[in-house]
N, C-alpha and C. Protein backbone atom coordinates (compact mmCIF):
# COMPACT_ATOMS: atom_id res chain seq x y z
N MET A 1 -76.60 -39.76 50.66
CA MET A 1 -78.19 -40.32 51.98
C MET A 1 -77.14 -38.83 52.82
N PHE A 2 -76.06 -39.04 53.37
CA PHE A 2 -75.53 -37.74 54.20
C PHE A 2 -74.32 -36.85 52.87
N GLN A 3 -74.75 -37.00 51.73
CA GLN A 3 -74.49 -35.92 51.39
C GLN A 3 -75.42 -33.88 51.25
N GLU A 4 -76.67 -34.77 51.83
CA GLU A 4 -77.53 -33.78 51.99
C GLU A 4 -76.87 -32.67 53.25
N ALA A 5 -76.70 -33.67 54.03
CA ALA A 5 -76.90 -32.91 55.28
C ALA A 5 -75.45 -31.79 55.52
N PRO A 6 -75.88 -30.29 56.18
CA PRO A 6 -74.41 -29.81 56.78
C PRO A 6 -73.02 -29.79 56.61
N ILE A 7 -73.25 -30.66 58.24
CA ILE A 7 -71.89 -31.23 58.37
C ILE A 7 -71.51 -32.72 57.55
N TYR A 8 -71.99 -32.75 56.98
CA TYR A 8 -71.40 -34.11 56.25
C TYR A 8 -70.46 -33.07 55.50
N ARG A 9 -70.63 -32.06 54.72
CA ARG A 9 -70.15 -31.16 53.64
C ARG A 9 -69.16 -30.54 54.14
N GLN A 10 -69.35 -29.99 55.82
CA GLN A 10 -68.14 -29.32 56.48
C GLN A 10 -67.29 -30.08 56.24
N LEU A 11 -67.56 -31.10 56.71
CA LEU A 11 -66.22 -32.41 56.69
C LEU A 11 -65.80 -32.99 56.00
N VAL A 12 -66.37 -33.27 54.41
CA VAL A 12 -65.63 -33.66 53.88
C VAL A 12 -64.58 -32.25 53.45
N ALA A 13 -65.23 -31.40 53.36
CA ALA A 13 -64.68 -29.96 52.94
C ALA A 13 -62.83 -30.08 53.76
N GLU A 14 -63.23 -30.96 55.00
CA GLU A 14 -61.78 -30.11 56.10
C GLU A 14 -61.46 -31.19 55.81
N ARG A 15 -61.69 -32.41 55.72
CA ARG A 15 -60.73 -34.12 55.95
C ARG A 15 -60.63 -34.53 54.89
N GLY A 16 -61.63 -34.38 53.77
CA GLY A 16 -61.58 -35.22 52.38
C GLY A 16 -62.56 -36.58 52.55
N ASP A 17 -63.54 -36.48 51.59
CA ASP A 17 -64.46 -37.48 51.67
C ASP A 17 -63.73 -39.42 51.73
N VAL A 18 -63.87 -39.30 53.28
CA VAL A 18 -63.04 -40.81 53.84
C VAL A 18 -63.68 -41.72 53.14
N PRO A 19 -65.13 -41.78 53.29
CA PRO A 19 -65.79 -42.54 53.13
C PRO A 19 -65.31 -43.42 51.13
N ALA A 20 -65.53 -42.19 50.34
CA ALA A 20 -65.31 -42.71 49.13
C ALA A 20 -63.64 -42.83 49.27
N GLN A 21 -62.76 -42.44 49.43
CA GLN A 21 -60.89 -43.33 49.31
C GLN A 21 -61.60 -44.27 50.04
N VAL A 22 -62.00 -44.85 51.16
CA VAL A 22 -61.97 -46.12 51.72
C VAL A 22 -62.00 -47.16 50.92
N ARG A 23 -63.51 -47.01 49.99
CA ARG A 23 -64.22 -47.60 49.40
C ARG A 23 -63.25 -47.71 48.16
N ASP A 24 -62.43 -46.44 47.20
CA ASP A 24 -61.92 -46.82 46.39
C ASP A 24 -60.24 -47.72 46.71
N GLU A 25 -59.98 -47.37 48.06
CA GLU A 25 -58.86 -48.55 48.23
C GLU A 25 -58.84 -49.39 47.98
N ALA A 26 -60.58 -50.32 48.82
CA ALA A 26 -60.66 -51.42 49.17
C ALA A 26 -60.52 -52.31 47.69
N GLU A 27 -61.34 -51.22 46.85
CA GLU A 27 -61.80 -52.27 45.11
C GLU A 27 -60.52 -52.14 44.42
N ARG A 28 -59.37 -51.12 44.77
CA ARG A 28 -57.85 -51.52 44.70
C ARG A 28 -57.51 -52.42 45.11
N ILE A 29 -57.64 -52.82 46.27
CA ILE A 29 -57.20 -54.03 47.03
C ILE A 29 -57.69 -55.41 46.25
N GLY A 30 -59.00 -55.24 45.89
CA GLY A 30 -59.31 -56.38 45.38
C GLY A 30 -58.92 -57.25 44.26
N ARG A 31 -58.94 -55.04 43.51
CA ARG A 31 -58.50 -56.27 41.90
C ARG A 31 -56.07 -56.94 42.29
N ASP A 32 -56.33 -55.81 42.77
CA ASP A 32 -54.65 -56.65 43.18
C ASP A 32 -54.74 -57.83 43.78
N LEU A 33 -55.52 -58.10 44.15
CA LEU A 33 -55.37 -59.87 44.92
C LEU A 33 -56.18 -60.81 44.02
N GLN A 34 -57.43 -60.12 43.20
CA GLN A 34 -57.29 -61.14 42.36
C GLN A 34 -56.45 -61.38 40.60
N GLN A 35 -56.19 -60.71 40.93
CA GLN A 35 -54.28 -60.79 40.46
C GLN A 35 -53.74 -62.04 40.20
N VAL A 36 -53.37 -61.98 41.87
CA VAL A 36 -52.21 -62.77 43.00
C VAL A 36 -53.13 -63.48 42.63
N ILE A 37 -54.38 -63.90 43.66
CA ILE A 37 -55.38 -65.08 43.68
C ILE A 37 -55.44 -65.91 42.52
N THR A 38 -54.90 -67.09 42.32
CA THR A 38 -56.55 -67.52 41.62
C THR A 38 -57.02 -68.75 42.55
N PRO A 39 -58.56 -68.49 41.73
CA PRO A 39 -59.57 -69.87 42.14
C PRO A 39 -58.63 -71.30 42.41
N LEU A 40 -59.42 -71.45 43.50
CA LEU A 40 -59.05 -72.67 44.02
C LEU A 40 -59.82 -73.57 42.54
N GLN A 41 -59.19 -74.42 42.50
CA GLN A 41 -59.67 -75.89 41.64
C GLN A 41 -60.51 -77.04 42.29
N VAL A 42 -61.23 -77.07 42.61
CA VAL A 42 -61.87 -78.03 43.31
C VAL A 42 -62.41 -79.10 42.36
N SER A 43 -61.61 -80.55 42.89
CA SER A 43 -62.70 -81.86 42.50
C SER A 43 -63.02 -82.66 43.15
N ALA A 44 -63.44 -83.82 42.79
CA ALA A 44 -64.64 -84.02 43.78
C ALA A 44 -63.13 -84.96 44.36
N PRO A 45 -63.31 -85.84 45.94
CA PRO A 45 -62.03 -86.70 46.74
C PRO A 45 -62.15 -88.24 45.84
N PRO A 46 -61.46 -88.59 46.15
CA PRO A 46 -61.65 -90.37 45.07
C PRO A 46 -62.52 -90.75 46.44
N ALA A 47 -62.82 -91.70 44.94
CA ALA A 47 -63.97 -92.59 45.88
C ALA A 47 -62.94 -93.41 46.76
N PRO A 48 -63.50 -93.44 47.99
CA PRO A 48 -63.60 -94.65 49.16
C PRO A 48 -63.15 -96.12 48.47
N GLU A 49 -62.33 -96.60 49.33
CA GLU A 49 -62.32 -98.18 48.90
C GLU A 49 -62.83 -98.87 49.73
N ARG A 50 -63.32 -100.03 48.67
CA ARG A 50 -64.94 -101.29 49.39
C ARG A 50 -64.07 -101.96 50.44
N VAL A 51 -64.49 -101.95 51.51
CA VAL A 51 -63.78 -103.18 52.20
C VAL A 51 -65.54 -104.46 52.68
N TRP A 52 -64.53 -105.61 52.14
CA TRP A 52 -65.87 -106.76 51.64
C TRP A 52 -66.12 -106.96 53.59
N PRO A 53 -67.35 -107.12 53.87
CA PRO A 53 -67.55 -107.51 55.55
C PRO A 53 -66.68 -108.99 55.76
N SER A 54 -66.43 -109.69 54.73
CA SER A 54 -65.95 -111.37 55.25
C SER A 54 -64.71 -110.76 54.98
N ALA A 55 -63.85 -109.92 54.67
CA ALA A 55 -62.75 -109.77 54.40
C ALA A 55 -61.80 -109.91 55.93
N PRO A 56 -60.22 -110.03 55.70
CA PRO A 56 -59.62 -109.94 56.80
C PRO A 56 -59.85 -108.63 57.34
N ALA A 57 -59.03 -107.45 58.65
CA ALA A 57 -58.99 -106.51 58.61
C ALA A 57 -58.13 -106.29 58.16
N GLY A 58 -58.11 -104.84 57.36
CA GLY A 58 -57.16 -104.30 56.38
C GLY A 58 -56.83 -104.16 54.84
N LEU A 59 -57.93 -105.75 54.79
CA LEU A 59 -57.94 -106.40 53.11
C LEU A 59 -58.87 -105.17 52.90
N ALA A 60 -59.10 -104.40 51.56
CA ALA A 60 -59.61 -103.87 50.63
C ALA A 60 -59.50 -104.33 49.40
N LEU A 61 -60.32 -104.01 48.88
CA LEU A 61 -59.95 -103.89 47.15
C LEU A 61 -60.66 -102.92 46.53
N THR A 62 -59.93 -102.36 45.81
CA THR A 62 -60.08 -100.76 44.51
C THR A 62 -61.25 -101.22 44.21
N ALA A 63 -61.62 -100.05 44.32
CA ALA A 63 -63.23 -100.48 42.72
C ALA A 63 -62.66 -101.06 41.21
N GLY A 64 -63.31 -101.90 41.13
CA GLY A 64 -63.67 -102.41 39.77
C GLY A 64 -62.83 -103.87 40.07
N ALA A 65 -62.07 -104.16 40.95
CA ALA A 65 -61.23 -105.58 41.47
C ALA A 65 -62.09 -106.53 42.03
N GLN A 66 -62.31 -107.73 41.83
CA GLN A 66 -62.62 -108.27 42.05
C GLN A 66 -62.69 -109.66 42.74
N PRO A 67 -63.37 -109.80 44.13
CA PRO A 67 -62.97 -111.00 45.05
C PRO A 67 -62.17 -112.24 43.98
N SER A 68 -61.53 -112.78 44.68
CA SER A 68 -60.64 -114.24 44.17
C SER A 68 -61.14 -115.44 44.95
């Protein structure tokens, strides 16, 4: 895109291809981070405890439990 513009060629000659350097550095940092950071293992949250409507406050039955 900008490579056809004479000013771009002049700036690259004077300063180097800064956008390309930034891209290369960002890719290097991304590769480094992939080696350091492991993906999060997302698991389903535990099933909430069921509370029977007629039970006293705070009394809960876990999944599979039967009222006595």
